[in-house]
C-alpha atoms as a PDB file:
ATOM      1  CA  MET A   1      11.570 -27.370   2.096  1.00  0.00           C
ATOM      2  CA  LEU A   2       9.887 -24.428   0.332  1.00  0.00           C
ATOM      3  CA  MET A   3      12.221 -22.012  -1.401  1.00  0.00           C
ATOM      4  CA  ILE A   4      10.205 -18.790  -1.114  1.00  0.00           C
ATOM      5  CA  THR A   5      12.297 -15.757  -1.997  1.00  0.00           C
ATOM      6  CA  GLY A   6       9.927 -12.886  -1.218  1.00  0.00           C
ATOM      7  CA  ILE A   7       6.499 -11.363  -1.709  1.00  0.00           C
ATOM      8  CA  GLY A   8       5.871 -10.681  -5.395  1.00  0.00           C
ATOM      9  CA  HIS A   9       2.742  -8.553  -5.247  1.00  0.00           C
ATOM     10  CA  LEU A  10      -0.323  -7.426  -3.364  1.00  0.00           C
ATOM     11  CA  ALA A  11      -3.544  -7.162  -5.379  1.00  0.00           C
ATOM     12  CA  PHE A  12      -6.487  -4.794  -4.979  1.00  0.00           C
ATOM     13  CA  THR A  13      -9.701  -4.576  -6.972  1.00  0.00           C
ATOM     14  CA  VAL A  14     -10.316  -0.845  -7.331  1.00  0.00           C
ATOM     15  CA  GLY A  15     -13.399   1.266  -7.847  1.00  0.00           C
ATOM     16  CA  ASN A  16     -11.720   3.995  -9.905  1.00  0.00           C
ATOM     17  CA  MET A  17      -8.512   3.053 -11.692  1.00  0.00           C
ATOM     18  CA  GLU A  18      -7.455   6.630 -12.457  1.00  0.00           C
ATOM     19  CA  GLU A  19      -7.762   7.654  -8.776  1.00  0.00           C
ATOM     20  CA  SER A  20      -5.811   4.586  -7.697  1.00  0.00           C
ATOM     21  CA  ILE A  21      -3.034   5.166 -10.242  1.00  0.00           C
ATOM     22  CA  HIS A  22      -2.862   8.805  -9.122  1.00  0.00           C
ATOM     23  CA  PHE A  23      -2.556   7.730  -5.481  1.00  0.00           C
ATOM     24  CA  TYR A  24       0.038   4.997  -5.927  1.00  0.00           C
ATOM     25  CA  CYS A  25       2.104   6.782  -8.626  1.00  0.00           C
ATOM     26  CA  ASP A  26       1.681  10.537  -8.213  1.00  0.00           C
ATOM     27  CA  ILE A  27       1.302  10.644  -4.432  1.00  0.00           C
ATOM     28  CA  LEU A  28       3.359   7.665  -3.234  1.00  0.00           C
ATOM     29  CA  GLY A  29       5.876   7.895  -6.071  1.00  0.00           C
ATOM     30  CA  PHE A  30       5.678   4.359  -7.469  1.00  0.00           C
ATOM     31  CA  LYS A  31       5.825   3.765 -11.228  1.00  0.00           C
ATOM     32  CA  LYS A  32       3.223   2.212 -13.511  1.00  0.00           C
ATOM     33  CA  ALA A  33       5.048  -0.823 -14.924  1.00  0.00           C
ATOM     34  CA  PHE A  34       2.608  -2.324 -17.431  1.00  0.00           C
ATOM     35  CA  GLU A  35      -1.014  -3.320 -18.070  1.00  0.00           C
ATOM     36  CA  LEU A  36      -2.704  -6.567 -19.023  1.00  0.00           C
ATOM     37  CA  ASN A  37      -5.938  -7.054 -20.939  1.00  0.00           C
ATOM     38  CA  ASN A  38      -8.298  -9.990 -20.470  1.00  0.00           C
ATOM     39  CA  ASP A  39      -9.035 -12.530 -23.206  1.00  0.00           C
ATOM     40  CA  LYS A  40     -11.655 -10.139 -24.658  1.00  0.00           C
ATOM     41  CA  GLY A  41      -9.048  -7.394 -25.050  1.00  0.00           C
ATOM     42  CA  GLU A  42     -10.530  -5.314 -22.220  1.00  0.00           C
ATOM     43  CA  PRO A  43      -8.364  -3.624 -19.547  1.00  0.00           C
ATOM     44  CA  TRP A  44      -7.872  -6.055 -16.660  1.00  0.00           C
ATOM     45  CA  ILE A  45      -4.840  -5.302 -14.437  1.00  0.00           C
ATOM     46  CA  VAL A  46      -2.428  -2.397 -13.993  1.00  0.00           C
ATOM     47  CA  TYR A  47       0.901  -3.289 -12.396  1.00  0.00           C
ATOM     48  CA  ILE A  48       2.501  -0.695 -10.137  1.00  0.00           C
ATOM     49  CA  LYS A  49       6.196  -1.288  -9.427  1.00  0.00           C
ATOM     50  CA  VAL A  50       7.112  -0.805  -5.771  1.00  0.00           C
ATOM     51  CA  THR A  51      10.743  -1.928  -6.016  1.00  0.00           C
ATOM     52  CA  GLU A  52      12.679  -4.538  -7.949  1.00  0.00           C
ATOM     53  CA  GLY A  53      10.504  -7.656  -8.160  1.00  0.00           C
ATOM     54  CA  GLN A  54       7.675  -6.222  -6.008  1.00  0.00           C
ATOM     55  CA  PHE A  55       4.397  -4.944  -7.408  1.00  0.00           C
ATOM     56  CA  ILE A  56       0.918  -3.811  -6.484  1.00  0.00           C
ATOM     57  CA  GLU A  57      -1.679  -5.190  -8.894  1.00  0.00           C
ATOM     58  CA  LEU A  58      -4.710  -2.980  -9.455  1.00  0.00           C
ATOM     59  CA  PHE A  59      -7.683  -4.865 -10.899  1.00  0.00           C
ATOM     60  CA  TYR A  60     -10.485  -3.050 -12.700  1.00  0.00           C
ATOM     61  CA  GLY A  61     -14.105  -3.648 -11.771  1.00  0.00           C
ATOM     62  CA  GLY A  62     -14.618  -2.905  -8.098  1.00  0.00           C
ATOM     63  CA  GLN A  63     -18.218  -1.927  -7.437  1.00  0.00           C
ATOM     64  CA  ALA A  64     -18.939  -2.279  -3.735  1.00  0.00           C
ATOM     65  CA  ARG A  65     -16.897  -1.951  -0.573  1.00  0.00           C
ATOM     66  CA  PRO A  66     -17.371  -4.796   1.866  1.00  0.00           C
ATOM     67  CA  GLU A  67     -18.237  -3.932   5.423  1.00  0.00           C
ATOM     68  CA  THR A  68     -15.289  -4.334   7.765  1.00  0.00           C
ATOM     69  CA  PRO A  69     -16.605  -5.378  11.167  1.00  0.00           C
ATOM     70  CA  SER A  70     -14.152  -5.407  14.048  1.00  0.00           C
ATOM     71  CA  GLY A  71     -12.427  -8.735  14.442  1.00  0.00           C
ATOM     72  CA  MET A  72     -12.711  -9.498  10.731  1.00  0.00           C
ATOM     73  CA  ILE A  73     -10.484 -12.342   9.541  1.00  0.00           C
ATOM     74  CA  GLY A  74      -8.334 -11.591   6.510  1.00  0.00           C
ATOM     75  CA  TYR A  75      -6.531  -8.604   5.045  1.00  0.00           C
ATOM     76  CA  SER A  76      -5.695  -5.893   7.553  1.00  0.00           C
ATOM     77  CA  HIS A  77      -3.266  -3.463   5.915  1.00  0.00           C
ATOM     78  CA  LEU A  78      -0.299  -2.847   3.644  1.00  0.00           C
ATOM     79  CA  CYS A  79       2.915  -1.705   5.347  1.00  0.00           C
ATOM     80  CA  LEU A  80       5.396   0.386   3.384  1.00  0.00           C
ATOM     81  CA  THR A  81       8.810   1.005   4.912  1.00  0.00           C
ATOM     82  CA  VAL A  82      10.229   4.527   4.754  1.00  0.00           C
ATOM     83  CA  ASP A  83      13.456   6.287   5.727  1.00  0.00           C
ATOM     84  CA  ASP A  84      11.889   9.344   7.409  1.00  0.00           C
ATOM     85  CA  ILE A  85       8.392   9.031   8.879  1.00  0.00           C
ATOM     86  CA  ASP A  86       7.969  12.772   9.512  1.00  0.00           C
ATOM     87  CA  MET A  87       8.967  13.671   5.951  1.00  0.00           C
ATOM     88  CA  VAL A  88       6.525  11.084   4.557  1.00  0.00           C
ATOM     89  CA  ALA A  89       3.690  12.326   6.779  1.00  0.00           C
ATOM     90  CA  ASP A  90       4.317  15.939   5.761  1.00  0.00           C
ATOM     91  CA  SER A  91       4.497  14.996   2.072  1.00  0.00           C
ATOM     92  CA  LEU A  92       1.224  13.036   2.246  1.00  0.00           C
ATOM     93  CA  LYS A  93      -0.561  15.935   3.961  1.00  0.00           C
ATOM     94  CA  GLU A  94       0.840  18.439   1.421  1.00  0.00           C
ATOM     95  CA  LYS A  95      -0.678  16.261  -1.323  1.00  0.00           C
ATOM     96  CA  GLY A  96      -4.106  16.286   0.345  1.00  0.00           C
ATOM     97  CA  ILE A  97      -3.978  12.884   2.026  1.00  0.00           C
ATOM     98  CA  ILE A  98      -5.628  12.803   5.443  1.00  0.00           C
ATOM     99  CA  LEU A  99      -3.653  10.762   7.952  1.00  0.00           C
ATOM    100  CA  ASP A 100      -5.612   8.354  10.117  1.00  0.00           C
ATOM    101  CA  ALA A 101      -2.787   8.501  12.660  1.00  0.00           C
ATOM    102  CA  GLU A 102       0.051  11.008  12.959  1.00  0.00           C
ATOM    103  CA  PRO A 103       3.620   9.705  13.314  1.00  0.00           C
ATOM    104  CA  LYS A 104       4.317   7.988  16.611  1.00  0.00           C
ATOM    105  CA  GLN A 105       6.463   5.231  18.006  1.00  0.00           C
ATOM    106  CA  GLY A 106       4.620   1.928  18.213  1.00  0.00           C
ATOM    107  CA  THR A 107       4.863  -0.924  20.692  1.00  0.00           C
ATOM    108  CA  ASP A 108       7.344  -2.624  18.348  1.00  0.00           C
ATOM    109  CA  LEU A 109       9.579   0.493  18.690  1.00  0.00           C
ATOM    110  CA  ASN A 110       9.170   1.415  15.014  1.00  0.00           C
ATOM    111  CA  TYR A 111       7.750   4.787  13.997  1.00  0.00           C
ATOM    112  CA  GLN A 112       4.521   4.751  12.043  1.00  0.00           C
ATOM    113  CA  CYS A 113       1.712   6.788  10.567  1.00  0.00           C
ATOM    114  CA  TRP A 114      -1.419   5.591   8.795  1.00  0.00           C
ATOM    115  CA  ALA A 115      -3.538   6.606   5.791  1.00  0.00           C
ATOM    116  CA  LYS A 116      -5.985   5.010   3.337  1.00  0.00           C
ATOM    117  CA  ASP A 117      -5.890   4.598  -0.433  1.00  0.00           C
ATOM    118  CA  PRO A 118      -8.851   5.820  -2.555  1.00  0.00           C
ATOM    119  CA  ASP A 119     -10.733   2.561  -1.890  1.00  0.00           C
ATOM    120  CA  GLY A 120     -10.261   2.720   1.882  1.00  0.00           C
ATOM    121  CA  ASN A 121      -7.467   0.132   2.133  1.00  0.00           C
ATOM    122  CA  ARG A 122      -5.361   0.859   5.209  1.00  0.00           C
ATOM    123  CA  ILE A 123      -1.686   1.669   4.646  1.00  0.00           C
ATOM    124  CA  GLU A 124       0.923   1.823   7.384  1.00  0.00           C
ATOM    125  CA  PHE A 125       4.063   3.835   6.699  1.00  0.00           C
ATOM    126  CA  MET A 126       6.832   2.535   8.951  1.00  0.00           C
ATOM    127  CA  GLN A 127      10.296   3.834   9.771  1.00  0.00           C
ATOM    128  CA  MET A 128      12.261   0.902  11.144  1.00  0.00           C
ATOM    129  CA  SER A 129      14.008   1.528  14.451  1.00  0.00           C
ATOM    130  CA  PRO A 130      17.380  -0.211  14.897  1.00  0.00           C
ATOM    131  CA  ASP A 131      16.103  -1.299  18.334  1.00  0.00           C
ATOM    132  CA  SER A 132      12.947  -2.959  16.978  1.00  0.00           C
ATOM    133  CA  LEU A 133      12.395  -6.699  17.021  1.00  0.00           C
ATOM    134  CA  GLN A 134      12.087  -6.684  13.208  1.00  0.00           C
ATOM    135  CA  ALA A 135      15.518  -5.055  12.812  1.00  0.00           C
ATOM    136  CA  LYS A 136      17.079  -7.463  15.278  1.00  0.00           C
ATOM    137  CA  SER A 137      15.531 -10.594  13.717  1.00  0.00           C
END
């Protein structure tokens, strides 16, 4: 039996590290934890701490965005849980982030709104409803 204890990190290769750090730290409120250099001493990865033991890795060097045709297999989005969906939506808009979808209750009964990071990665902000299947599981 596998003894998996959680998800340690999600990794993105970014086009502009400073914009990405600004988004994840200054706008979303996460903290820059540390950086790693490659074997040549060049900047390689910036670790953003989400919560204890959970990180977003930002890799330098992104140069081209892949096309995302409908029905694409693979990564879809990052979901961040929040306490107050309306407060989060208002805060994002005050900081200049355009929401792709305003807060609403989804089919799963949770409340959600959507935005994108500087590289176009989709982010769902979700307020868990006590009546949702996730909360009851």
